[in-house]
Amino acid sequence: MPYQINTLSAHKKKFQTNAMQVPAVLHVSDDLMPNDTTLEEIEKTASSGYLFHHFSALSDVHSKKGRKNPAGTVIATENFFLPQINDTAPNCGMRFLKSNLTDADLAPENIDKLFNALIKQIPTKTYVGTKIPQSLVMDICRKGIEPVMQYFNTKTKNELENTFKSGNFSENVSEKDILDSIPKLFLHIGKYRLGILGAAGNHFLDLMKITELKDPAIAKKFGIYVGQYIFLMHTGSGLFGQYASYFYTPKKKEHLSQQIILKLGKLAFKSSQSATHQALEKKINDYKNKSEYIAYDQNSPEGKLFITAHRAAANHGFANRTILTNNLYATIEKTLSKDPQLDLLYDMPHVFIDQEEHFGKKVWVHRNNASRAFGPQKMDGHPIFSQTGEPAFIPSSMSTPAYLAVGTDNNESTFFSSAHGTGRKKIPSEDKATTKEALFQKMKAKNVKLYNAKSSGVIMQDSAYYKDIDEVIAGMEDNKIIKVVAKMEPLAVLMY
């Protein structure tokens, strides 16, 4: 159906139907407008009655199969958690790793050598990743990445300091709290499912080179320079995160294995909150065929169980990237015979729920494929980011440039958030690759090497399917969402 869209500026629009409880602010140009399906989903979400102040859509907003709410969106609530707002695996996110590698280290034959080794050490699809003890699974749920760093004796510099929330979403939770909110079966599965890049969507490991500094002063504070090689990693909390989320979300299970594991997890679940879980299961079943959103009051027993499980699952996203980085570090040392001195600029989630203050109130911000992008004022306490703003990374397709940026102090209309990419076009370009062979040829023409690429769906990561990165960046700068620091070009991509 056609919608009445009001233009606020070249890159910002607003719409509100009679059904919508709050307005939607779209941070898009005319060319980046989402399709009607996405607008319908925004309308339904903004009509739920739970949203605080407004609905915010970033430039990469687009609908996703099987989801009620579009990707590239941010909403806030005062007292409720809305698990169906977000993708099902918490803490899908990215980390930006600086290195000391040089042109000589990364001659074409060495890139081949390194990435062919990484195919095994950074698996995209496997049953068992980097096995860890059961005690460490529990420690991750409660304490985040610090025990992971200690267990693996990781070498990455600034790993704790430069991970969002120091790599730990959980707050003063006991083992009993975890066992009351998450079935033991899921914790057992967690022993085997870290250290896996993932086969879903466009999870990737990219080798990139800094080609241009847009803000030399901030780049200097970050230790970024032209010619520098960096790794950009995009992955999530894996099966543990998915199962812990599905446990509280009335969403159709995409695979038979998910149905089986969830049923087994429930059958063997021994929680001191069993009465709450029984009522919760009935509520979830009731909502499976409803268009309305399921909601958990923050002060209710079910709300407390949900946020405990959500935070524990999110911690596994940080842990996964920490273990993958440790494996990357070791593989570089072995194949290139050099210590790469990997240094974490930032690890940021883009699927999560967290409590923040906006428009004078404490609210629960739900970011669905959107990164937090605080300005310097809100990063008070961090020795560097309090001067620069919070780092944000905006990649696009596997063969197009990416940008490093920082948040600003003038971005309340997105709840201080940034797009996490460019998002998909409404209609792909005519030069789209339709076979793997065509994709490899396009990548070769752009001097980008693609590794692994086992899935048939990898062709959907062709640049023809993605919005224009430069238009997205221009819009975000015009809306004062970000300030661009550096541009980088991909050289090699590892993806399923």
Protein backbone atom coordinates (compact mmCIF):
# COMPACT_ATOMS: atom_id res chain seq x y z
CA MET A 1 0.00 0.00 0.00
CA PRO A 2 1.25 3.56 -0.63
CA TYR A 3 2.43 5.49 2.43
CA GLN A 4 2.51 9.21 3.10
CA ILE A 5 6.22 9.93 3.58
CA ASN A 6 7.31 13.36 4.81
CA THR A 7 10.78 14.54 3.77
CA LEU A 8 12.75 16.14 6.62
CA SER A 9 16.02 16.51 4.70
CA ALA A 10 17.87 14.96 1.77
CA HIS A 11 18.69 11.89 3.88
CA LYS A 12 15.91 11.80 6.46
CA LYS A 13 12.20 11.06 6.25
CA LYS A 14 9.29 10.49 8.60
CA PHE A 15 6.04 8.61 8.36
CA GLN A 16 3.21 7.73 10.71
CA THR A 17 -0.09 6.08 9.93
CA ASN A 18 -3.18 6.17 12.14
CA ALA A 19 -2.28 2.72 13.48
CA MET A 20 1.23 3.69 14.57
CA GLN A 21 1.67 4.61 18.24
CA VAL A 22 4.96 6.38 17.49
CA PRO A 23 6.41 7.90 14.30
CA ALA A 24 9.10 6.21 12.25
CA VAL A 25 12.20 8.18 11.30
CA LEU A 26 13.92 6.83 8.18
CA HIS A 27 17.54 7.89 7.75
CA VAL A 28 17.51 7.40 3.98
CA SER A 29 17.67 9.30 0.72
CA ASP A 30 15.09 8.78 -2.02
CA ASP A 31 17.36 6.22 -3.69
CA LEU A 32 17.75 4.20 -0.46
CA MET A 33 14.07 4.07 0.46
CA PRO A 34 12.98 0.58 1.59
CA ASN A 35 10.29 -1.35 -0.26
CA ASP A 36 6.63 -1.56 0.76
CA THR A 37 7.12 -4.88 2.59
CA THR A 38 9.69 -3.25 4.85
CA LEU A 39 7.45 -0.24 5.43
CA GLU A 40 4.57 -2.57 6.37
CA GLU A 41 6.79 -4.28 8.93
CA ILE A 42 7.86 -0.92 10.36
CA GLU A 43 4.22 0.11 10.62
CA LYS A 44 3.31 -3.08 12.51
CA THR A 45 6.21 -2.71 14.92
CA ALA A 46 5.42 0.97 15.58
CA SER A 47 1.78 -0.01 16.19
CA SER A 48 2.61 -2.47 18.96
CA GLY A 49 2.10 -0.01 21.82
CA TYR A 50 5.43 -0.83 23.50
CA LEU A 51 7.76 1.58 21.71
CA PHE A 52 9.28 4.64 23.36
CA HIS A 53 9.49 7.98 21.53
CA HIS A 54 9.95 6.80 17.91
CA PHE A 55 11.02 4.00 15.58
CA SER A 56 14.41 4.51 13.97
CA ALA A 57 15.50 2.99 10.65
CA LEU A 58 19.06 3.25 9.35
CA SER A 59 20.14 3.46 5.72
CA ASP A 60 20.58 -0.33 5.48
CA VAL A 61 17.00 -1.06 6.55
CA HIS A 62 15.48 -4.08 4.79
CA SER A 63 13.13 -6.95 5.57
CA LYS A 64 14.52 -10.44 6.19
CA LYS A 65 12.81 -13.75 5.62
CA GLY A 66 11.20 -15.18 8.74
CA ARG A 67 11.58 -11.96 10.76
CA LYS A 68 8.81 -9.69 11.98
CA ASN A 69 10.98 -6.60 12.22
CA PRO A 70 13.37 -5.31 9.53
CA ALA A 71 17.14 -5.36 9.82
CA GLY A 72 18.88 -2.02 10.25
CA THR A 73 16.46 -0.74 12.89
CA VAL A 74 16.53 0.54 16.46
CA ILE A 75 13.66 0.75 18.93
CA ALA A 76 13.48 1.49 22.65
CA THR A 77 11.03 0.44 25.35
CA GLU A 78 10.63 1.71 28.90
CA ASN A 79 9.80 -1.50 30.77
CA PHE A 80 9.56 -4.37 28.30
CA PHE A 81 11.77 -6.75 26.36
CA LEU A 82 10.61 -7.59 22.83
CA PRO A 83 12.64 -10.64 21.71
CA GLN A 84 11.04 -10.76 18.24
CA ILE A 85 12.44 -7.33 17.35
CA ASN A 86 15.92 -8.77 16.91
CA ASP A 87 17.50 -11.59 14.93
CA THR A 88 17.59 -14.79 16.94
CA ALA A 89 21.34 -14.96 17.68
CA PRO A 90 22.41 -12.18 20.08
CA ASN A 91 25.71 -10.41 19.54
CA CYS A 92 26.21 -10.95 15.90
CA GLY A 93 28.95 -8.37 15.56
CA MET A 94 32.26 -7.29 14.08
CA ARG A 95 35.80 -6.72 15.27
CA PHE A 96 38.49 -4.61 13.67
CA LEU A 97 42.05 -5.90 14.10
CA LYS A 98 45.13 -3.86 13.26
CA SER A 99 48.32 -5.66 12.26
CA ASN A 100 51.98 -4.91 11.54
CA LEU A 101 51.95 -6.93 8.31
CA THR A 102 53.63 -5.34 5.29
CA ASP A 103 53.44 -5.59 1.51
CA ALA A 104 56.35 -8.01 1.62
CA ASP A 105 54.55 -10.22 4.15
CA LEU A 106 51.39 -10.24 2.06
CA ALA A 107 52.62 -10.81 -1.47
CA PRO A 108 49.91 -12.66 -3.50
CA GLU A 109 51.47 -16.07 -2.91
CA ASN A 110 51.57 -15.43 0.84
CA ILE A 111 47.92 -14.34 0.92
CA ASP A 112 47.07 -17.64 -0.80
CA LYS A 113 49.19 -19.57 1.68
CA LEU A 114 47.61 -17.80 4.65
CA PHE A 115 43.99 -18.02 3.57
CA ASN A 116 44.23 -21.63 2.45
CA ALA A 117 45.44 -22.38 5.98
CA LEU A 118 42.68 -20.23 7.50
CA ILE A 119 40.00 -22.27 5.74
CA LYS A 120 40.77 -25.02 8.27
CA GLN A 121 41.59 -22.85 11.27
CA ILE A 122 38.63 -20.45 10.83
CA PRO A 123 35.94 -22.94 9.79
CA THR A 124 32.73 -21.59 8.31
CA LYS A 125 30.67 -24.75 8.70
CA THR A 126 31.59 -27.65 10.95
CA TYR A 127 30.11 -29.71 13.78
CA VAL A 128 32.96 -29.07 16.24
CA GLY A 129 34.93 -25.86 16.47
CA THR A 130 37.51 -25.12 19.18
CA LYS A 131 36.45 -27.38 22.05
CA ILE A 132 36.41 -25.82 25.52
CA PRO A 133 35.67 -27.25 28.99
CA GLN A 134 32.16 -27.09 30.45
CA SER A 135 33.40 -24.84 33.25
CA LEU A 136 34.55 -22.26 30.68
CA VAL A 137 31.11 -22.26 29.01
CA MET A 138 29.62 -21.25 32.35
CA ASP A 139 32.35 -18.67 32.96
CA ILE A 140 31.60 -17.10 29.56
CA CYS A 141 27.92 -16.86 30.42
CA ARG A 142 28.73 -15.09 33.69
CA LYS A 143 31.97 -13.22 33.03
CA GLY A 144 32.40 -12.77 29.27
CA ILE A 145 35.76 -12.94 27.51
CA GLU A 146 38.20 -12.45 30.39
CA PRO A 147 38.25 -16.16 31.35
CA VAL A 148 38.58 -17.05 27.64
CA MET A 149 41.63 -14.81 27.33
CA GLN A 150 43.15 -16.45 30.39
CA TYR A 151 42.39 -20.00 29.24
CA PHE A 152 43.92 -19.51 25.78
CA ASN A 153 46.59 -17.05 26.93
CA THR A 154 45.63 -14.77 24.04
CA LYS A 155 48.16 -12.32 22.61
CA THR A 156 45.86 -9.77 21.00
CA LYS A 157 46.55 -6.29 22.34
CA ASN A 158 43.77 -4.22 23.94
CA GLU A 159 41.35 -7.14 23.71
CA LEU A 160 39.55 -6.48 26.98
CA GLU A 161 39.74 -2.67 26.95
CA ASN A 162 38.47 -2.32 23.39
CA THR A 163 35.64 -4.83 23.43
CA PHE A 164 32.14 -3.41 23.94
CA LYS A 165 31.28 -3.51 27.68
CA SER A 166 34.70 -5.14 28.25
CA GLY A 167 33.31 -8.28 26.61
CA ASN A 168 30.67 -8.97 29.27
CA PHE A 169 26.95 -8.20 29.10
CA SER A 170 26.12 -10.12 32.28
CA GLU A 171 25.73 -8.35 35.62
CA ASN A 172 26.25 -10.18 38.93
CA VAL A 173 24.70 -13.48 37.84
CA SER A 174 25.34 -16.76 39.61
CA GLU A 175 25.65 -20.25 38.17
CA LYS A 176 22.18 -20.92 39.54
CA ASP A 177 20.82 -17.93 37.59
CA ILE A 178 22.26 -19.38 34.37
CA LEU A 179 20.99 -22.90 35.08
CA ASP A 180 17.54 -21.51 35.85
CA SER A 181 17.35 -19.66 32.54
CA ILE A 182 19.19 -21.94 30.06
CA PRO A 183 18.88 -25.75 29.72
CA LYS A 184 22.04 -27.72 30.52
CA LEU A 185 21.89 -29.32 27.06
CA PHE A 186 22.53 -25.93 25.47
CA LEU A 187 25.51 -25.36 27.77
CA HIS A 188 26.84 -28.78 26.75
CA ILE A 189 26.50 -27.86 23.06
CA GLY A 190 28.34 -24.63 23.83
CA LYS A 191 31.53 -26.64 24.52
CA TYR A 192 31.84 -27.47 20.83
CA ARG A 193 30.41 -24.49 18.98
CA LEU A 194 32.90 -21.65 19.45
CA GLY A 195 35.72 -20.90 17.05
CA ILE A 196 33.35 -21.16 14.07
CA LEU A 197 32.89 -18.26 11.67
CA GLY A 198 29.45 -19.49 10.65
CA ALA A 199 27.55 -20.40 7.52
CA ALA A 200 24.63 -18.02 7.96
CA GLY A 201 24.24 -14.79 6.01
CA ASN A 202 27.40 -12.94 5.18
CA HIS A 203 29.66 -13.82 8.10
CA PHE A 204 33.21 -13.24 6.94
CA LEU A 205 36.88 -12.70 7.66
CA ASP A 206 38.33 -9.97 5.42
CA LEU A 207 41.88 -8.86 4.87
CA MET A 208 41.76 -5.17 4.04
CA LYS A 209 44.19 -2.34 3.42
CA ILE A 210 43.77 1.24 4.60
CA THR A 211 43.84 3.37 1.44
CA GLU A 212 42.74 6.83 2.58
CA LEU A 213 42.50 8.83 5.80
CA LYS A 214 39.45 11.08 6.04
CA ASP A 215 40.25 12.33 9.55
CA PRO A 216 44.03 12.09 10.13
CA ALA A 217 43.80 13.34 13.73
CA ILE A 218 41.43 10.58 14.84
CA ALA A 219 43.29 8.03 12.70
CA LYS A 220 46.48 8.90 14.59
CA LYS A 221 44.76 8.36 17.93
CA PHE A 222 43.58 4.96 16.65
CA GLY A 223 47.02 3.99 15.31
CA ILE A 224 45.66 3.83 11.77
CA TYR A 225 47.75 4.75 8.71
CA VAL A 226 47.65 4.47 4.91
CA GLY A 227 49.04 1.15 3.73
CA GLN A 228 48.16 -0.64 6.96
CA TYR A 229 46.72 -4.16 6.74
CA ILE A 230 43.75 -4.92 8.97
CA PHE A 231 41.37 -7.82 9.48
CA LEU A 232 37.62 -7.28 9.72
CA MET A 233 35.70 -10.18 11.25
CA HIS A 234 31.90 -10.59 11.23
CA THR A 235 30.31 -13.44 13.17
CA GLY A 236 27.97 -14.19 16.07
CA SER A 237 27.19 -16.33 19.09
CA GLY A 238 26.58 -19.50 17.09
CA LEU A 239 24.22 -22.30 17.99
CA PHE A 240 24.37 -21.60 21.72
CA GLY A 241 23.13 -18.07 21.11
CA GLN A 242 20.42 -19.30 18.75
CA TYR A 243 19.09 -21.98 21.10
CA ALA A 244 19.10 -19.67 24.14
CA SER A 245 17.14 -17.12 22.11
CA TYR A 246 14.69 -19.55 20.48
CA PHE A 247 13.90 -20.76 23.99
CA TYR A 248 12.17 -17.43 24.66
CA THR A 249 10.99 -16.48 21.17
CA PRO A 250 7.83 -17.62 19.32
CA LYS A 251 9.55 -18.03 16.00
CA LYS A 252 9.23 -20.78 13.43
CA LYS A 253 12.25 -23.07 13.61
CA GLU A 254 14.16 -22.99 10.35
CA HIS A 255 15.73 -26.44 10.65
CA LEU A 256 14.62 -29.83 11.99
CA SER A 257 17.72 -29.95 14.21
CA GLN A 258 16.57 -26.78 15.97
CA GLN A 259 13.18 -28.32 16.70
CA ILE A 260 14.80 -31.49 18.08
CA ILE A 261 17.40 -29.72 20.26
CA LEU A 262 14.84 -27.32 21.70
CA LYS A 263 12.46 -30.16 22.54
CA LEU A 264 15.24 -32.22 24.15
CA GLY A 265 16.44 -29.15 26.05
CA LYS A 266 12.96 -28.58 27.47
CA LEU A 267 12.45 -32.25 28.38
CA ALA A 268 15.70 -32.42 30.39
CA PHE A 269 15.43 -28.89 31.83
CA LYS A 270 15.56 -28.78 35.63
CA SER A 271 15.05 -25.21 36.77
CA SER A 272 13.98 -23.93 40.18
CA GLN A 273 11.75 -21.60 38.11
CA SER A 274 9.86 -24.50 36.50
CA ALA A 275 6.43 -22.97 37.13
CA THR A 276 7.48 -19.78 35.35
CA HIS A 277 8.89 -21.79 32.45
CA GLN A 278 5.67 -23.79 32.11
CA ALA A 279 3.64 -20.60 31.92
CA LEU A 280 6.22 -19.15 29.54
CA GLU A 281 6.01 -22.13 27.19
CA LYS A 282 2.24 -21.73 27.00
CA LYS A 283 2.62 -18.01 26.31
CA ILE A 284 5.17 -18.65 23.55
CA ASN A 285 2.92 -21.25 21.92
CA ASP A 286 0.00 -18.82 22.06
CA TYR A 287 2.04 -16.16 20.25
CA LYS A 288 3.34 -18.38 17.45
CA ASN A 289 0.43 -17.50 15.19
CA LYS A 290 -0.20 -13.97 16.44
CA SER A 291 0.80 -10.83 14.57
CA GLU A 292 1.38 -9.03 17.88
CA TYR A 293 4.75 -9.00 19.59
CA ILE A 294 5.39 -11.10 22.66
CA ALA A 295 6.60 -8.88 25.50
CA TYR A 296 8.26 -9.58 28.85
CA ASP A 297 7.98 -7.06 31.67
CA GLN A 298 11.47 -6.25 32.96
CA ASN A 299 10.38 -6.86 36.58
CA SER A 300 8.52 -10.12 35.96
CA PRO A 301 10.08 -13.56 36.60
CA GLU A 302 9.91 -14.31 32.86
CA GLY A 303 11.55 -10.97 32.03
CA LYS A 304 14.42 -11.67 34.42
CA LEU A 305 14.93 -15.14 32.97
CA PHE A 306 14.89 -13.77 29.42
CA ILE A 307 17.45 -11.00 29.99
CA THR A 308 19.75 -13.41 31.87
CA ALA A 309 19.65 -15.84 28.93
CA HIS A 310 20.02 -13.02 26.39
CA ARG A 311 23.12 -11.61 28.08
CA ALA A 312 24.71 -15.03 28.57
CA ALA A 313 24.12 -15.85 24.91
CA ALA A 314 25.51 -12.46 23.84
CA ASN A 315 28.70 -13.16 25.78
CA HIS A 316 29.27 -16.15 23.49
CA GLY A 317 29.44 -13.76 20.54
CA PHE A 318 32.37 -11.97 22.18
CA ALA A 319 33.93 -15.32 23.11
CA ASN A 320 33.58 -16.64 19.57
CA ARG A 321 35.41 -13.66 18.09
CA THR A 322 38.09 -13.89 20.79
CA ILE A 323 38.77 -17.56 20.01
CA LEU A 324 38.68 -16.97 16.24
CA THR A 325 41.16 -14.13 16.66
CA ASN A 326 43.43 -16.39 18.72
CA ASN A 327 43.28 -18.97 15.91
CA LEU A 328 43.94 -16.27 13.32
CA TYR A 329 46.96 -15.05 15.28
CA ALA A 330 48.45 -18.55 15.53
CA THR A 331 47.85 -19.27 11.84
CA ILE A 332 49.57 -16.06 10.75
CA GLU A 333 52.57 -16.86 12.96
CA LYS A 334 52.81 -20.38 11.56
CA THR A 335 52.29 -19.63 7.86
CA LEU A 336 54.11 -16.29 7.57
CA SER A 337 56.73 -16.91 10.30
CA LYS A 338 55.99 -13.52 11.83
CA ASP A 339 54.27 -12.16 14.92
CA PRO A 340 51.49 -9.98 13.41
CA GLN A 341 51.03 -8.08 16.69
CA LEU A 342 47.27 -8.06 16.25
CA ASP A 343 45.76 -5.11 18.08
CA LEU A 344 42.01 -4.79 18.65
CA LEU A 345 40.67 -1.40 17.69
CA TYR A 346 37.13 -2.40 18.67
CA ASP A 347 34.70 -5.31 18.94
CA MET A 348 31.12 -4.15 18.52
CA PRO A 349 27.83 -6.08 18.57
CA HIS A 350 24.98 -5.16 16.26
CA VAL A 351 22.21 -7.46 17.51
CA PHE A 352 21.50 -6.90 21.20
CA ILE A 353 19.34 -5.37 23.93
CA ASP A 354 20.89 -3.03 26.48
CA GLN A 355 19.74 -0.38 28.93
CA GLU A 356 20.69 3.22 28.10
CA GLU A 357 19.47 6.73 28.79
CA HIS A 358 17.71 8.59 25.96
CA PHE A 359 15.41 11.60 25.95
CA GLY A 360 15.75 11.84 29.73
CA LYS A 361 14.67 8.26 30.50
CA LYS A 362 16.32 4.89 31.10
CA VAL A 363 15.13 2.61 28.32
CA TRP A 364 15.86 -0.78 26.82
CA VAL A 365 17.39 -0.20 23.39
CA HIS A 366 16.88 -3.04 20.89
CA ARG A 367 19.38 -2.81 18.03
CA ASN A 368 18.66 -5.18 15.16
CA ASN A 369 21.60 -5.19 12.76
CA ALA A 370 22.62 -1.73 13.93
CA SER A 371 25.73 -0.74 15.90
CA ARG A 372 25.85 1.56 18.87
CA ALA A 373 27.67 4.76 17.88
CA PHE A 374 28.12 6.94 20.95
CA GLY A 375 29.82 10.29 20.59
CA PRO A 376 32.77 11.35 22.78
CA GLN A 377 30.52 12.59 25.61
CA LYS A 378 28.81 9.22 26.04
CA MET A 379 32.17 7.38 25.86
CA ASP A 380 33.42 9.21 28.95
CA GLY A 381 35.82 6.92 30.80
CA HIS A 382 37.50 5.32 27.79
CA PRO A 383 41.00 6.80 27.36
CA ILE A 384 40.74 7.12 23.55
CA PHE A 385 37.06 6.87 22.58
CA SER A 386 36.16 9.69 24.99
CA GLN A 387 38.23 11.91 22.67
CA THR A 388 37.13 10.42 19.36
CA GLY A 389 33.70 8.84 19.71
CA GLU A 390 32.87 5.14 19.53
CA PRO A 391 34.29 3.31 16.49
CA ALA A 392 31.86 2.01 13.88
CA PHE A 393 32.70 -0.13 10.85
CA ILE A 394 30.59 0.03 7.71
CA PRO A 395 31.38 -2.65 5.12
CA SER A 396 29.27 -3.39 2.07
CA SER A 397 29.70 -6.33 -0.28
CA MET A 398 32.77 -8.55 -0.33
CA SER A 399 34.38 -6.62 -3.19
CA THR A 400 33.61 -2.98 -2.36
CA PRO A 401 35.34 -0.50 -0.03
CA ALA A 402 34.52 -0.32 3.67
CA TYR A 403 34.76 2.60 6.06
CA LEU A 404 35.94 3.14 9.60
CA ALA A 405 33.99 5.87 11.38
CA VAL A 406 33.16 7.20 14.84
CA GLY A 407 29.90 8.19 16.50
CA THR A 408 28.95 11.80 17.17
CA ASP A 409 27.24 13.68 20.01
CA ASN A 410 24.39 14.79 17.70
CA ASN A 411 22.65 11.54 16.88
CA GLU A 412 19.65 11.19 19.20
CA SER A 413 17.31 10.37 16.29
CA THR A 414 18.91 6.91 15.94
CA PHE A 415 19.34 6.43 19.70
CA PHE A 416 23.05 7.00 18.92
CA SER A 417 23.31 4.10 16.46
CA SER A 418 25.02 3.48 13.14
CA ALA A 419 24.21 1.30 10.15
CA HIS A 420 26.33 -1.86 10.26
CA GLY A 421 26.52 -2.12 6.47
CA THR A 422 24.78 -0.90 3.35
CA GLY A 423 21.88 -3.34 3.18
CA ARG A 424 20.35 -4.93 0.12
CA LYS A 425 19.01 -3.11 -2.91
CA LYS A 426 15.33 -3.34 -3.76
CA ILE A 427 16.32 -4.44 -7.25
CA PRO A 428 19.80 -5.90 -7.97
CA SER A 429 21.95 -4.28 -10.65
CA GLU A 430 21.81 -5.79 -14.12
CA ASP A 431 25.43 -6.96 -13.90
CA LYS A 432 24.65 -9.29 -10.97
CA ALA A 433 26.52 -12.57 -10.82
CA THR A 434 24.21 -15.55 -11.31
CA THR A 435 26.85 -18.29 -10.99
CA LYS A 436 29.89 -18.83 -8.81
CA GLU A 437 32.10 -18.67 -11.87
CA ALA A 438 30.74 -15.22 -12.73
CA LEU A 439 31.22 -14.11 -9.13
CA PHE A 440 34.85 -15.24 -9.09
CA GLN A 441 35.46 -13.39 -12.35
CA LYS A 442 33.98 -10.16 -10.95
CA MET A 443 36.09 -10.52 -7.80
CA LYS A 444 39.23 -11.15 -9.87
CA ALA A 445 38.58 -8.02 -11.93
CA LYS A 446 38.53 -6.04 -8.67
CA ASN A 447 41.71 -7.76 -7.39
CA VAL A 448 39.88 -9.42 -4.49
CA LYS A 449 40.37 -13.12 -3.79
CA LEU A 450 37.50 -15.19 -2.41
CA TYR A 451 38.28 -18.27 -0.32
CA ASN A 452 36.18 -21.26 0.77
CA ALA A 453 32.89 -20.11 -0.88
CA LYS A 454 31.26 -23.52 -0.50
CA SER A 455 27.66 -22.30 -0.37
CA SER A 456 25.47 -21.79 -3.42
CA GLY A 457 24.16 -18.61 -1.75
CA VAL A 458 27.56 -16.94 -1.80
CA ILE A 459 26.62 -15.28 -5.10
CA MET A 460 24.12 -13.18 -3.12
CA GLN A 461 27.13 -11.38 -1.63
CA ASP A 462 27.95 -9.92 -5.05
CA SER A 463 28.12 -6.12 -5.01
CA ALA A 464 25.16 -5.94 -7.41
CA TYR A 465 22.83 -6.93 -4.57
CA TYR A 466 23.97 -4.18 -2.18
CA LYS A 467 23.20 -0.48 -1.84
CA ASP A 468 25.86 2.01 -2.85
CA ILE A 469 28.37 2.39 0.01
CA ASP A 470 29.29 5.99 -0.83
CA GLU A 471 25.65 7.11 -0.84
CA VAL A 472 25.11 5.36 2.51
CA ILE A 473 28.17 7.05 4.03
CA ALA A 474 27.20 10.46 2.65
CA GLY A 475 23.75 10.13 4.20
CA MET A 476 25.07 9.08 7.59
CA GLU A 477 27.48 12.01 7.64
CA ASP A 478 24.73 14.42 6.60
CA ASN A 479 22.54 13.10 9.44
CA LYS A 480 25.47 13.50 11.87
CA ILE A 481 25.32 9.80 12.68
CA ILE A 482 29.03 9.27 12.08
CA LYS A 483 32.25 11.01 11.20
CA VAL A 484 34.35 9.02 8.70
CA VAL A 485 37.93 8.29 9.74
CA ALA A 486 39.36 6.01 7.04
CA LYS A 487 38.58 4.12 3.86
CA MET A 488 39.76 0.56 3.28
CA GLU A 489 39.78 -1.81 0.34
CA PRO A 490 39.30 -5.60 0.51
CA LEU A 491 42.06 -7.91 -0.71
CA ALA A 492 40.94 -11.33 0.47
CA VAL A 493 37.65 -12.70 1.81
CA LEU A 494 36.95 -15.92 3.69
CA MET A 495 33.26 -16.83 3.62
CA TYR A 496 30.98 -19.82 3.37
